[in-house]
């Protein structure tokens, strides 16, 4: 679950999406 605490960008940044799925 992406939150303020575990993310460094917000939508729609591709960096946000790529970092999120990389964690998986």
PDBML (XML) file of the C-alpha atoms, coordinates in Angstrom:
<?xml version="1.0" encoding="UTF-8" ?>
<PDBx:datablock datablockName="MODEL"
   xmlns:PDBx="http://pdbml.pdb.org/schema/pdbx-v50.xsd"
   xmlns:xsi="http://www.w3.org/2001/XMLSchema-instance"
   xsi:schemaLocation="http://pdbml.pdb.org/schema/pdbx-v50.xsd pdbx-v50.xsd">
   <PDBx:atom_siteCategory>
      <PDBx:atom_site id="1">
         <PDBx:B_iso_or_equiv>0.00</PDBx:B_iso_or_equiv>
         <PDBx:Cartn_x>0.000</PDBx:Cartn_x>
         <PDBx:Cartn_y>0.000</PDBx:Cartn_y>
         <PDBx:Cartn_z>0.000</PDBx:Cartn_z>
         <PDBx:auth_asym_id>A</PDBx:auth_asym_id>
         <PDBx:auth_atom_id>CA</PDBx:auth_atom_id>
         <PDBx:auth_comp_id>UNK</PDBx:auth_comp_id>
         <PDBx:auth_seq_id>1</PDBx:auth_seq_id>
         <PDBx:group_PDB>ATOM</PDBx:group_PDB>
         <PDBx:label_alt_id xsi:nil="true" />
         <PDBx:label_asym_id>A</PDBx:label_asym_id>
         <PDBx:label_atom_id>CA</PDBx:label_atom_id>
         <PDBx:label_comp_id>UNK</PDBx:label_comp_id>
         <PDBx:label_entity_id>1</PDBx:label_entity_id>
         <PDBx:label_seq_id>1</PDBx:label_seq_id>
         <PDBx:occupancy>1.00</PDBx:occupancy>
         <PDBx:pdbx_PDB_model_num>1</PDBx:pdbx_PDB_model_num>
         <PDBx:type_symbol>C</PDBx:type_symbol>
      </PDBx:atom_site>
      <PDBx:atom_site id="2">
         <PDBx:B_iso_or_equiv>0.00</PDBx:B_iso_or_equiv>
         <PDBx:Cartn_x>1.723</PDBx:Cartn_x>
         <PDBx:Cartn_y>3.198</PDBx:Cartn_y>
         <PDBx:Cartn_z>-1.090</PDBx:Cartn_z>
         <PDBx:auth_asym_id>A</PDBx:auth_asym_id>
         <PDBx:auth_atom_id>CA</PDBx:auth_atom_id>
         <PDBx:auth_comp_id>UNK</PDBx:auth_comp_id>
         <PDBx:auth_seq_id>2</PDBx:auth_seq_id>
         <PDBx:group_PDB>ATOM</PDBx:group_PDB>
         <PDBx:label_alt_id xsi:nil="true" />
         <PDBx:label_asym_id>A</PDBx:label_asym_id>
         <PDBx:label_atom_id>CA</PDBx:label_atom_id>
         <PDBx:label_comp_id>UNK</PDBx:label_comp_id>
         <PDBx:label_entity_id>1</PDBx:label_entity_id>
         <PDBx:label_seq_id>2</PDBx:label_seq_id>
         <PDBx:occupancy>1.00</PDBx:occupancy>
         <PDBx:pdbx_PDB_model_num>1</PDBx:pdbx_PDB_model_num>
         <PDBx:type_symbol>C</PDBx:type_symbol>
      </PDBx:atom_site>
      <PDBx:atom_site id="3">
         <PDBx:B_iso_or_equiv>0.00</PDBx:B_iso_or_equiv>
         <PDBx:Cartn_x>1.791</PDBx:Cartn_x>
         <PDBx:Cartn_y>5.967</PDBx:Cartn_y>
         <PDBx:Cartn_z>1.522</PDBx:Cartn_z>
         <PDBx:auth_asym_id>A</PDBx:auth_asym_id>
         <PDBx:auth_atom_id>CA</PDBx:auth_atom_id>
         <PDBx:auth_comp_id>UNK</PDBx:auth_comp_id>
         <PDBx:auth_seq_id>3</PDBx:auth_seq_id>
         <PDBx:group_PDB>ATOM</PDBx:group_PDB>
         <PDBx:label_alt_id xsi:nil="true" />
         <PDBx:label_asym_id>A</PDBx:label_asym_id>
         <PDBx:label_atom_id>CA</PDBx:label_atom_id>
         <PDBx:label_comp_id>UNK</PDBx:label_comp_id>
         <PDBx:label_entity_id>1</PDBx:label_entity_id>
         <PDBx:label_seq_id>3</PDBx:label_seq_id>
         <PDBx:occupancy>1.00</PDBx:occupancy>
         <PDBx:pdbx_PDB_model_num>1</PDBx:pdbx_PDB_model_num>
         <PDBx:type_symbol>C</PDBx:type_symbol>
      </PDBx:atom_site>
      <PDBx:atom_site id="4">
         <PDBx:B_iso_or_equiv>0.00</PDBx:B_iso_or_equiv>
         <PDBx:Cartn_x>3.658</PDBx:Cartn_x>
         <PDBx:Cartn_y>9.140</PDBx:Cartn_y>
         <PDBx:Cartn_z>2.407</PDBx:Cartn_z>
         <PDBx:auth_asym_id>A</PDBx:auth_asym_id>
         <PDBx:auth_atom_id>CA</PDBx:auth_atom_id>
         <PDBx:auth_comp_id>UNK</PDBx:auth_comp_id>
         <PDBx:auth_seq_id>4</PDBx:auth_seq_id>
         <PDBx:group_PDB>ATOM</PDBx:group_PDB>
         <PDBx:label_alt_id xsi:nil="true" />
         <PDBx:label_asym_id>A</PDBx:label_asym_id>
         <PDBx:label_atom_id>CA</PDBx:label_atom_id>
         <PDBx:label_comp_id>UNK</PDBx:label_comp_id>
         <PDBx:label_entity_id>1</PDBx:label_entity_id>
         <PDBx:label_seq_id>4</PDBx:label_seq_id>
         <PDBx:occupancy>1.00</PDBx:occupancy>
         <PDBx:pdbx_PDB_model_num>1</PDBx:pdbx_PDB_model_num>
         <PDBx:type_symbol>C</PDBx:type_symbol>
      </PDBx:atom_site>
      <PDBx:atom_site id="5">
         <PDBx:B_iso_or_equiv>0.00</PDBx:B_iso_or_equiv>
         <PDBx:Cartn_x>6.072</PDBx:Cartn_x>
         <PDBx:Cartn_y>7.082</PDBx:Cartn_y>
         <PDBx:Cartn_z>4.448</PDBx:Cartn_z>
         <PDBx:auth_asym_id>A</PDBx:auth_asym_id>
         <PDBx:auth_atom_id>CA</PDBx:auth_atom_id>
         <PDBx:auth_comp_id>UNK</PDBx:auth_comp_id>
         <PDBx:auth_seq_id>5</PDBx:auth_seq_id>
         <PDBx:group_PDB>ATOM</PDBx:group_PDB>
         <PDBx:label_alt_id xsi:nil="true" />
         <PDBx:label_asym_id>A</PDBx:label_asym_id>
         <PDBx:label_atom_id>CA</PDBx:label_atom_id>
         <PDBx:label_comp_id>UNK</PDBx:label_comp_id>
         <PDBx:label_entity_id>1</PDBx:label_entity_id>
         <PDBx:label_seq_id>5</PDBx:label_seq_id>
         <PDBx:occupancy>1.00</PDBx:occupancy>
         <PDBx:pdbx_PDB_model_num>1</PDBx:pdbx_PDB_model_num>
         <PDBx:type_symbol>C</PDBx:type_symbol>
      </PDBx:atom_site>
      <PDBx:atom_site id="6">
         <PDBx:B_iso_or_equiv>0.00</PDBx:B_iso_or_equiv>
         <PDBx:Cartn_x>7.173</PDBx:Cartn_x>
         <PDBx:Cartn_y>4.593</PDBx:Cartn_y>
         <PDBx:Cartn_z>1.771</PDBx:Cartn_z>
         <PDBx:auth_asym_id>A</PDBx:auth_asym_id>
         <PDBx:auth_atom_id>CA</PDBx:auth_atom_id>
         <PDBx:auth_comp_id>UNK</PDBx:auth_comp_id>
         <PDBx:auth_seq_id>6</PDBx:auth_seq_id>
         <PDBx:group_PDB>ATOM</PDBx:group_PDB>
         <PDBx:label_alt_id xsi:nil="true" />
         <PDBx:label_asym_id>A</PDBx:label_asym_id>
         <PDBx:label_atom_id>CA</PDBx:label_atom_id>
         <PDBx:label_comp_id>UNK</PDBx:label_comp_id>
         <PDBx:label_entity_id>1</PDBx:label_entity_id>
         <PDBx:label_seq_id>6</PDBx:label_seq_id>
         <PDBx:occupancy>1.00</PDBx:occupancy>
         <PDBx:pdbx_PDB_model_num>1</PDBx:pdbx_PDB_model_num>
         <PDBx:type_symbol>C</PDBx:type_symbol>
      </PDBx:atom_site>
      <PDBx:atom_site id="7">
         <PDBx:B_iso_or_equiv>0.00</PDBx:B_iso_or_equiv>
         <PDBx:Cartn_x>7.057</PDBx:Cartn_x>
         <PDBx:Cartn_y>6.686</PDBx:Cartn_y>
         <PDBx:Cartn_z>-1.419</PDBx:Cartn_z>
         <PDBx:auth_asym_id>A</PDBx:auth_asym_id>
         <PDBx:auth_atom_id>CA</PDBx:auth_atom_id>
         <PDBx:auth_comp_id>UNK</PDBx:auth_comp_id>
         <PDBx:auth_seq_id>7</PDBx:auth_seq_id>
         <PDBx:group_PDB>ATOM</PDBx:group_PDB>
         <PDBx:label_alt_id xsi:nil="true" />
         <PDBx:label_asym_id>A</PDBx:label_asym_id>
         <PDBx:label_atom_id>CA</PDBx:label_atom_id>
         <PDBx:label_comp_id>UNK</PDBx:label_comp_id>
         <PDBx:label_entity_id>1</PDBx:label_entity_id>
         <PDBx:label_seq_id>7</PDBx:label_seq_id>
         <PDBx:occupancy>1.00</PDBx:occupancy>
         <PDBx:pdbx_PDB_model_num>1</PDBx:pdbx_PDB_model_num>
         <PDBx:type_symbol>C</PDBx:type_symbol>
      </PDBx:atom_site>
      <PDBx:atom_site id="8">
         <PDBx:B_iso_or_equiv>0.00</PDBx:B_iso_or_equiv>
         <PDBx:Cartn_x>9.221</PDBx:Cartn_x>
         <PDBx:Cartn_y>9.481</PDBx:Cartn_y>
         <PDBx:Cartn_z>-2.804</PDBx:Cartn_z>
         <PDBx:auth_asym_id>A</PDBx:auth_asym_id>
         <PDBx:auth_atom_id>CA</PDBx:auth_atom_id>
         <PDBx:auth_comp_id>UNK</PDBx:auth_comp_id>
         <PDBx:auth_seq_id>8</PDBx:auth_seq_id>
         <PDBx:group_PDB>ATOM</PDBx:group_PDB>
         <PDBx:label_alt_id xsi:nil="true" />
         <PDBx:label_asym_id>A</PDBx:label_asym_id>
         <PDBx:label_atom_id>CA</PDBx:label_atom_id>
         <PDBx:label_comp_id>UNK</PDBx:label_comp_id>
         <PDBx:label_entity_id>1</PDBx:label_entity_id>
         <PDBx:label_seq_id>8</PDBx:label_seq_id>
         <PDBx:occupancy>1.00</PDBx:occupancy>
         <PDBx:pdbx_PDB_model_num>1</PDBx:pdbx_PDB_model_num>
         <PDBx:type_symbol>C</PDBx:type_symbol>
      </PDBx:atom_site>
      <PDBx:atom_site id="9">
         <PDBx:B_iso_or_equiv>0.00</PDBx:B_iso_or_equiv>
         <PDBx:Cartn_x>6.954</PDBx:Cartn_x>
         <PDBx:Cartn_y>10.767</PDBx:Cartn_y>
         <PDBx:Cartn_z>-5.580</PDBx:Cartn_z>
         <PDBx:auth_asym_id>A</PDBx:auth_asym_id>
         <PDBx:auth_atom_id>CA</PDBx:auth_atom_id>
         <PDBx:auth_comp_id>UNK</PDBx:auth_comp_id>
         <PDBx:auth_seq_id>9</PDBx:auth_seq_id>
         <PDBx:group_PDB>ATOM</PDBx:group_PDB>
         <PDBx:label_alt_id xsi:nil="true" />
         <PDBx:label_asym_id>A</PDBx:label_asym_id>
         <PDBx:label_atom_id>CA</PDBx:label_atom_id>
         <PDBx:label_comp_id>UNK</PDBx:label_comp_id>
         <PDBx:label_entity_id>1</PDBx:label_entity_id>
         <PDBx:label_seq_id>9</PDBx:label_seq_id>
         <PDBx:occupancy>1.00</PDBx:occupancy>
         <PDBx:pdbx_PDB_model_num>1</PDBx:pdbx_PDB_model_num>
         <PDBx:type_symbol>C</PDBx:type_symbol>
      </PDBx:atom_site>
      <PDBx:atom_site id="10">
         <PDBx:B_iso_or_equiv>0.00</PDBx:B_iso_or_equiv>
         <PDBx:Cartn_x>3.238</PDBx:Cartn_x>
         <PDBx:Cartn_y>11.096</PDBx:Cartn_y>
         <PDBx:Cartn_z>-6.303</PDBx:Cartn_z>
         <PDBx:auth_asym_id>A</PDBx:auth_asym_id>
         <PDBx:auth_atom_id>CA</PDBx:auth_atom_id>
         <PDBx:auth_comp_id>UNK</PDBx:auth_comp_id>
         <PDBx:auth_seq_id>10</PDBx:auth_seq_id>
         <PDBx:group_PDB>ATOM</PDBx:group_PDB>
         <PDBx:label_alt_id xsi:nil="true" />
         <PDBx:label_asym_id>A</PDBx:label_asym_id>
         <PDBx:label_atom_id>CA</PDBx:label_atom_id>
         <PDBx:label_comp_id>UNK</PDBx:label_comp_id>
         <PDBx:label_entity_id>1</PDBx:label_entity_id>
         <PDBx:label_seq_id>10</PDBx:label_seq_id>
         <PDBx:occupancy>1.00</PDBx:occupancy>
         <PDBx:pdbx_PDB_model_num>1</PDBx:pdbx_PDB_model_num>
         <PDBx:type_symbol>C</PDBx:type_symbol>
      </PDBx:atom_site>
      <PDBx:atom_site id="11">
         <PDBx:B_iso_or_equiv>0.00</PDBx:B_iso_or_equiv>
         <PDBx:Cartn_x>1.035</PDBx:Cartn_x>
         <PDBx:Cartn_y>10.220</PDBx:Cartn_y>
         <PDBx:Cartn_z>-9.250</PDBx:Cartn_z>
         <PDBx:auth_asym_id>A</PDBx:auth_asym_id>
         <PDBx:auth_atom_id>CA</PDBx:auth_atom_id>
         <PDBx:auth_comp_id>UNK</PDBx:auth_comp_id>
         <PDBx:auth_seq_id>11</PDBx:auth_seq_id>
         <PDBx:group_PDB>ATOM</PDBx:group_PDB>
         <PDBx:label_alt_id xsi:nil="true" />
         <PDBx:label_asym_id>A</PDBx:label_asym_id>
         <PDBx:label_atom_id>CA</PDBx:label_atom_id>
         <PDBx:label_comp_id>UNK</PDBx:label_comp_id>
         <PDBx:label_entity_id>1</PDBx:label_entity_id>
         <PDBx:label_seq_id>11</PDBx:label_seq_id>
         <PDBx:occupancy>1.00</PDBx:occupancy>
         <PDBx:pdbx_PDB_model_num>1</PDBx:pdbx_PDB_model_num>
         <PDBx:type_symbol>C</PDBx:type_symbol>
      </PDBx:atom_site>
      <PDBx:atom_site id="12">
         <PDBx:B_iso_or_equiv>0.00</PDBx:B_iso_or_equiv>
         <PDBx:Cartn_x>1.308</PDBx:Cartn_x>
         <PDBx:Cartn_y>10.444</PDBx:Cartn_y>
         <PDBx:Cartn_z>-12.210</PDBx:Cartn_z>
         <PDBx:auth_asym_id>A</PDBx:auth_asym_id>
         <PDBx:auth_atom_id>CA</PDBx:auth_atom_id>
         <PDBx:auth_comp_id>UNK</PDBx:auth_comp_id>
         <PDBx:auth_seq_id>12</PDBx:auth_seq_id>
         <PDBx:group_PDB>ATOM</PDBx:group_PDB>
         <PDBx:label_alt_id xsi:nil="true" />
         <PDBx:label_asym_id>A</PDBx:label_asym_id>
         <PDBx:label_atom_id>CA</PDBx:label_atom_id>
         <PDBx:label_comp_id>UNK</PDBx:label_comp_id>
         <PDBx:label_entity_id>1</PDBx:label_entity_id>
         <PDBx:label_seq_id>12</PDBx:label_seq_id>
         <PDBx:occupancy>1.00</PDBx:occupancy>
         <PDBx:pdbx_PDB_model_num>1</PDBx:pdbx_PDB_model_num>
         <PDBx:type_symbol>C</PDBx:type_symbol>
      </PDBx:atom_site>
      <PDBx:atom_site id="13">
         <PDBx:B_iso_or_equiv>0.00</PDBx:B_iso_or_equiv>
         <PDBx:Cartn_x>5.114</PDBx:Cartn_x>
         <PDBx:Cartn_y>10.338</PDBx:Cartn_y>
         <PDBx:Cartn_z>-12.020</PDBx:Cartn_z>
         <PDBx:auth_asym_id>A</PDBx:auth_asym_id>
         <PDBx:auth_atom_id>CA</PDBx:auth_atom_id>
         <PDBx:auth_comp_id>UNK</PDBx:auth_comp_id>
         <PDBx:auth_seq_id>13</PDBx:auth_seq_id>
         <PDBx:group_PDB>ATOM</PDBx:group_PDB>
         <PDBx:label_alt_id xsi:nil="true" />
         <PDBx:label_asym_id>A</PDBx:label_asym_id>
         <PDBx:label_atom_id>CA</PDBx:label_atom_id>
         <PDBx:label_comp_id>UNK</PDBx:label_comp_id>
         <PDBx:label_entity_id>1</PDBx:label_entity_id>
         <PDBx:label_seq_id>13</PDBx:label_seq_id>
         <PDBx:occupancy>1.00</PDBx:occupancy>
         <PDBx:pdbx_PDB_model_num>1</PDBx:pdbx_PDB_model_num>
         <PDBx:type_symbol>C</PDBx:type_symbol>
      </PDBx:atom_site>
      <PDBx:atom_site id="14">
         <PDBx:B_iso_or_equiv>0.00</PDBx:B_iso_or_equiv>
         <PDBx:Cartn_x>6.511</PDBx:Cartn_x>
         <PDBx:Cartn_y>7.291</PDBx:Cartn_y>
         <PDBx:Cartn_z>-13.808</PDBx:Cartn_z>
         <PDBx:auth_asym_id>A</PDBx:auth_asym_id>
         <PDBx:auth_atom_id>CA</PDBx:auth_atom_id>
         <PDBx:auth_comp_id>UNK</PDBx:auth_comp_id>
         <PDBx:auth_seq_id>14</PDBx:auth_seq_id>
         <PDBx:group_PDB>ATOM</PDBx:group_PDB>
         <PDBx:label_alt_id xsi:nil="true" />
         <PDBx:label_asym_id>A</PDBx:label_asym_id>
         <PDBx:label_atom_id>CA</PDBx:label_atom_id>
         <PDBx:label_comp_id>UNK</PDBx:label_comp_id>
         <PDBx:label_entity_id>1</PDBx:label_entity_id>
         <PDBx:label_seq_id>14</PDBx:label_seq_id>
         <PDBx:occupancy>1.00</PDBx:occupancy>
         <PDBx:pdbx_PDB_model_num>1</PDBx:pdbx_PDB_model_num>
         <PDBx:type_symbol>C</PDBx:type_symbol>
      </PDBx:atom_site>
      <PDBx:atom_site id="15">
         <PDBx:B_iso_or_equiv>0.00</PDBx:B_iso_or_equiv>
         <PDBx:Cartn_x>9.183</PDBx:Cartn_x>
         <PDBx:Cartn_y>7.227</PDBx:Cartn_y>
         <PDBx:Cartn_z>-11.088</PDBx:Cartn_z>
         <PDBx:auth_asym_id>A</PDBx:auth_asym_id>
         <PDBx:auth_atom_id>CA</PDBx:auth_atom_id>
         <PDBx:auth_comp_id>UNK</PDBx:auth_comp_id>
         <PDBx:auth_seq_id>15</PDBx:auth_seq_id>
         <PDBx:group_PDB>ATOM</PDBx:group_PDB>
         <PDBx:label_alt_id xsi:nil="true" />
         <PDBx:label_asym_id>A</PDBx:label_asym_id>
         <PDBx:label_atom_id>CA</PDBx:label_atom_id>
         <PDBx:label_comp_id>UNK</PDBx:label_comp_id>
         <PDBx:label_entity_id>1</PDBx:label_entity_id>
         <PDBx:label_seq_id>15</PDBx:label_seq_id>
         <PDBx:occupancy>1.00</PDBx:occupancy>
         <PDBx:pdbx_PDB_model_num>1</PDBx:pdbx_PDB_model_num>
         <PDBx:type_symbol>C</PDBx:type_symbol>
      </PDBx:atom_site>
      <PDBx:atom_site id="16">
         <PDBx:B_iso_or_equiv>0.00</PDBx:B_iso_or_equiv>
         <PDBx:Cartn_x>6.435</PDBx:Cartn_x>
         <PDBx:Cartn_y>6.621</PDBx:Cartn_y>
         <PDBx:Cartn_z>-8.514</PDBx:Cartn_z>
         <PDBx:auth_asym_id>A</PDBx:auth_asym_id>
         <PDBx:auth_atom_id>CA</PDBx:auth_atom_id>
         <PDBx:auth_comp_id>UNK</PDBx:auth_comp_id>
         <PDBx:auth_seq_id>16</PDBx:auth_seq_id>
         <PDBx:group_PDB>ATOM</PDBx:group_PDB>
         <PDBx:label_alt_id xsi:nil="true" />
         <PDBx:label_asym_id>A</PDBx:label_asym_id>
         <PDBx:label_atom_id>CA</PDBx:label_atom_id>
         <PDBx:label_comp_id>UNK</PDBx:label_comp_id>
         <PDBx:label_entity_id>1</PDBx:label_entity_id>
         <PDBx:label_seq_id>16</PDBx:label_seq_id>
         <PDBx:occupancy>1.00</PDBx:occupancy>
         <PDBx:pdbx_PDB_model_num>1</PDBx:pdbx_PDB_model_num>
         <PDBx:type_symbol>C</PDBx:type_symbol>
      </PDBx:atom_site>
      <PDBx:atom_site id="17">
         <PDBx:B_iso_or_equiv>0.00</PDBx:B_iso_or_equiv>
         <PDBx:Cartn_x>4.977</PDBx:Cartn_x>
         <PDBx:Cartn_y>3.726</PDBx:Cartn_y>
         <PDBx:Cartn_z>-10.472</PDBx:Cartn_z>
         <PDBx:auth_asym_id>A</PDBx:auth_asym_id>
         <PDBx:auth_atom_id>CA</PDBx:auth_atom_id>
         <PDBx:auth_comp_id>UNK</PDBx:auth_comp_id>
         <PDBx:auth_seq_id>17</PDBx:auth_seq_id>
         <PDBx:group_PDB>ATOM</PDBx:group_PDB>
         <PDBx:label_alt_id xsi:nil="true" />
         <PDBx:label_asym_id>A</PDBx:label_asym_id>
         <PDBx:label_atom_id>CA</PDBx:label_atom_id>
         <PDBx:label_comp_id>UNK</PDBx:label_comp_id>
         <PDBx:label_entity_id>1</PDBx:label_entity_id>
         <PDBx:label_seq_id>17</PDBx:label_seq_id>
         <PDBx:occupancy>1.00</PDBx:occupancy>
         <PDBx:pdbx_PDB_model_num>1</PDBx:pdbx_PDB_model_num>
         <PDBx:type_symbol>C</PDBx:type_symbol>
      </PDBx:atom_site>
      <PDBx:atom_site id="18">
         <PDBx:B_iso_or_equiv>0.00</PDBx:B_iso_or_equiv>
         <PDBx:Cartn_x>8.336</PDBx:Cartn_x>
         <PDBx:Cartn_y>2.137</PDBx:Cartn_y>
         <PDBx:Cartn_z>-11.285</PDBx:Cartn_z>
         <PDBx:auth_asym_id>A</PDBx:auth_asym_id>
         <PDBx:auth_atom_id>CA</PDBx:auth_atom_id>
         <PDBx:auth_comp_id>UNK</PDBx:auth_comp_id>
         <PDBx:auth_seq_id>18</PDBx:auth_seq_id>
         <PDBx:group_PDB>ATOM</PDBx:group_PDB>
         <PDBx:label_alt_id xsi:nil="true" />
         <PDBx:label_asym_id>A</PDBx:label_asym_id>
         <PDBx:label_atom_id>CA</PDBx:label_atom_id>
         <PDBx:label_comp_id>UNK</PDBx:label_comp_id>
         <PDBx:label_entity_id>1</PDBx:label_entity_id>
         <PDBx:label_seq_id>18</PDBx:label_seq_id>
         <PDBx:occupancy>1.00</PDBx:occupancy>
         <PDBx:pdbx_PDB_model_num>1</PDBx:pdbx_PDB_model_num>
         <PDBx:type_symbol>C</PDBx:type_symbol>
      </PDBx:atom_site>
      <PDBx:atom_site id="19">
         <PDBx:B_iso_or_equiv>0.00</PDBx:B_iso_or_equiv>
         <PDBx:Cartn_x>9.580</PDBx:Cartn_x>
         <PDBx:Cartn_y>2.409</PDBx:Cartn_y>
         <PDBx:Cartn_z>-7.697</PDBx:Cartn_z>
         <PDBx:auth_asym_id>A</PDBx:auth_asym_id>
         <PDBx:auth_atom_id>CA</PDBx:auth_atom_id>
         <PDBx:auth_comp_id>UNK</PDBx:auth_comp_id>
         <PDBx:auth_seq_id>19</PDBx:auth_seq_id>
         <PDBx:group_PDB>ATOM</PDBx:group_PDB>
         <PDBx:label_alt_id xsi:nil="true" />
         <PDBx:label_asym_id>A</PDBx:label_asym_id>
         <PDBx:label_atom_id>CA</PDBx:label_atom_id>
         <PDBx:label_comp_id>UNK</PDBx:label_comp_id>
         <PDBx:label_entity_id>1</PDBx:label_entity_id>
         <PDBx:label_seq_id>19</PDBx:label_seq_id>
         <PDBx:occupancy>1.00</PDBx:occupancy>
         <PDBx:pdbx_PDB_model_num>1</PDBx:pdbx_PDB_model_num>
         <PDBx:type_symbol>C</PDBx:type_symbol>
      </PDBx:atom_site>
      <PDBx:atom_site id="20">
         <PDBx:B_iso_or_equiv>0.00</PDBx:B_iso_or_equiv>
         <PDBx:Cartn_x>6.333</PDBx:Cartn_x>
         <PDBx:Cartn_y>0.903</PDBx:Cartn_y>
         <PDBx:Cartn_z>-6.384</PDBx:Cartn_z>
         <PDBx:auth_asym_id>A</PDBx:auth_asym_id>
         <PDBx:auth_atom_id>CA</PDBx:auth_atom_id>
         <PDBx:auth_comp_id>UNK</PDBx:auth_comp_id>
         <PDBx:auth_seq_id>20</PDBx:auth_seq_id>
         <PDBx:group_PDB>ATOM</PDBx:group_PDB>
         <PDBx:label_alt_id xsi:nil="true" />
         <PDBx:label_asym_id>A</PDBx:label_asym_id>
         <PDBx:label_atom_id>CA</PDBx:label_atom_id>
         <PDBx:label_comp_id>UNK</PDBx:label_comp_id>
         <PDBx:label_entity_id>1</PDBx:label_entity_id>
         <PDBx:label_seq_id>20</PDBx:label_seq_id>
         <PDBx:occupancy>1.00</PDBx:occupancy>
         <PDBx:pdbx_PDB_model_num>1</PDBx:pdbx_PDB_model_num>
         <PDBx:type_symbol>C</PDBx:type_symbol>
      </PDBx:atom_site>
      <PDBx:atom_site id="21">
         <PDBx:B_iso_or_equiv>0.00</PDBx:B_iso_or_equiv>
         <PDBx:Cartn_x>6.375</PDBx:Cartn_x>
         <PDBx:Cartn_y>-2.169</PDBx:Cartn_y>
         <PDBx:Cartn_z>-8.617</PDBx:Cartn_z>
         <PDBx:auth_asym_id>A</PDBx:auth_asym_id>
         <PDBx:auth_atom_id>CA</PDBx:auth_atom_id>
         <PDBx:auth_comp_id>UNK</PDBx:auth_comp_id>
         <PDBx:auth_seq_id>21</PDBx:auth_seq_id>
         <PDBx:group_PDB>ATOM</PDBx:group_PDB>
         <PDBx:label_alt_id xsi:nil="true" />
         <PDBx:label_asym_id>A</PDBx:label_asym_id>
         <PDBx:label_atom_id>CA</PDBx:label_atom_id>
         <PDBx:label_comp_id>UNK</PDBx:label_comp_id>
         <PDBx:label_entity_id>1</PDBx:label_entity_id>
         <PDBx:label_seq_id>21</PDBx:label_seq_id>
         <PDBx:occupancy>1.00</PDBx:occupancy>
         <PDBx:pdbx_PDB_model_num>1</PDBx:pdbx_PDB_model_num>
         <PDBx:type_symbol>C</PDBx:type_symbol>
      </PDBx:atom_site>
      <PDBx:atom_site id="22">
         <PDBx:B_iso_or_equiv>0.00</PDBx:B_iso_or_equiv>
         <PDBx:Cartn_x>10.132</PDBx:Cartn_x>
         <PDBx:Cartn_y>-2.583</PDBx:Cartn_y>
         <PDBx:Cartn_z>-8.073</PDBx:Cartn_z>
         <PDBx:auth_asym_id>A</PDBx:auth_asym_id>
         <PDBx:auth_atom_id>CA</PDBx:auth_atom_id>
         <PDBx:auth_comp_id>UNK</PDBx:auth_comp_id>
         <PDBx:auth_seq_id>22</PDBx:auth_seq_id>
         <PDBx:group_PDB>ATOM</PDBx:group_PDB>
         <PDBx:label_alt_id xsi:nil="true" />
         <PDBx:label_asym_id>A</PDBx:label_asym_id>
         <PDBx:label_atom_id>CA</PDBx:label_atom_id>
         <PDBx:label_comp_id>UNK</PDBx:label_comp_id>
         <PDBx:label_entity_id>1</PDBx:label_entity_id>
         <PDBx:label_seq_id>22</PDBx:label_seq_id>
         <PDBx:occupancy>1.00</PDBx:occupancy>
         <PDBx:pdbx_PDB_model_num>1</PDBx:pdbx_PDB_model_num>
         <PDBx:type_symbol>C</PDBx:type_symbol>
      </PDBx:atom_site>
      <PDBx:atom_site id="23">
         <PDBx:B_iso_or_equiv>0.00</PDBx:B_iso_or_equiv>
         <PDBx:Cartn_x>9.361</PDBx:Cartn_x>
         <PDBx:Cartn_y>-3.115</PDBx:Cartn_y>
         <PDBx:Cartn_z>-4.387</PDBx:Cartn_z>
         <PDBx:auth_asym_id>A</PDBx:auth_asym_id>
         <PDBx:auth_atom_id>CA</PDBx:auth_atom_id>
         <PDBx:auth_comp_id>UNK</PDBx:auth_comp_id>
         <PDBx:auth_seq_id>23</PDBx:auth_seq_id>
         <PDBx:group_PDB>ATOM</PDBx:group_PDB>
         <PDBx:label_alt_id xsi:nil="true" />
         <PDBx:label_asym_id>A</PDBx:label_asym_id>
         <PDBx:label_atom_id>CA</PDBx:label_atom_id>
         <PDBx:label_comp_id>UNK</PDBx:label_comp_id>
         <PDBx:label_entity_id>1</PDBx:label_entity_id>
         <PDBx:label_seq_id>23</PDBx:label_seq_id>
         <PDBx:occupancy>1.00</PDBx:occupancy>
         <PDBx:pdbx_PDB_model_num>1</PDBx:pdbx_PDB_model_num>
         <PDBx:type_symbol>C</PDBx:type_symbol>
      </PDBx:atom_site>
      <PDBx:atom_site id="24">
         <PDBx:B_iso_or_equiv>0.00</PDBx:B_iso_or_equiv>
         <PDBx:Cartn_x>7.326</PDBx:Cartn_x>
         <PDBx:Cartn_y>-6.121</PDBx:Cartn_y>
         <PDBx:Cartn_z>-5.521</PDBx:Cartn_z>
         <PDBx:auth_asym_id>A</PDBx:auth_asym_id>
         <PDBx:auth_atom_id>CA</PDBx:auth_atom_id>
         <PDBx:auth_comp_id>UNK</PDBx:auth_comp_id>
         <PDBx:auth_seq_id>24</PDBx:auth_seq_id>
         <PDBx:group_PDB>ATOM</PDBx:group_PDB>
         <PDBx:label_alt_id xsi:nil="true" />
         <PDBx:label_asym_id>A</PDBx:label_asym_id>
         <PDBx:label_atom_id>CA</PDBx:label_atom_id>
         <PDBx:label_comp_id>UNK</PDBx:label_comp_id>
         <PDBx:label_entity_id>1</PDBx:label_entity_id>
         <PDBx:label_seq_id>24</PDBx:label_seq_id>
         <PDBx:occupancy>1.00</PDBx:occupancy>
         <PDBx:pdbx_PDB_model_num>1</PDBx:pdbx_PDB_model_num>
         <PDBx:type_symbol>C</PDBx:type_symbol>
      </PDBx:atom_site>
   </PDBx:atom_siteCategory>
</PDBx:datablock>
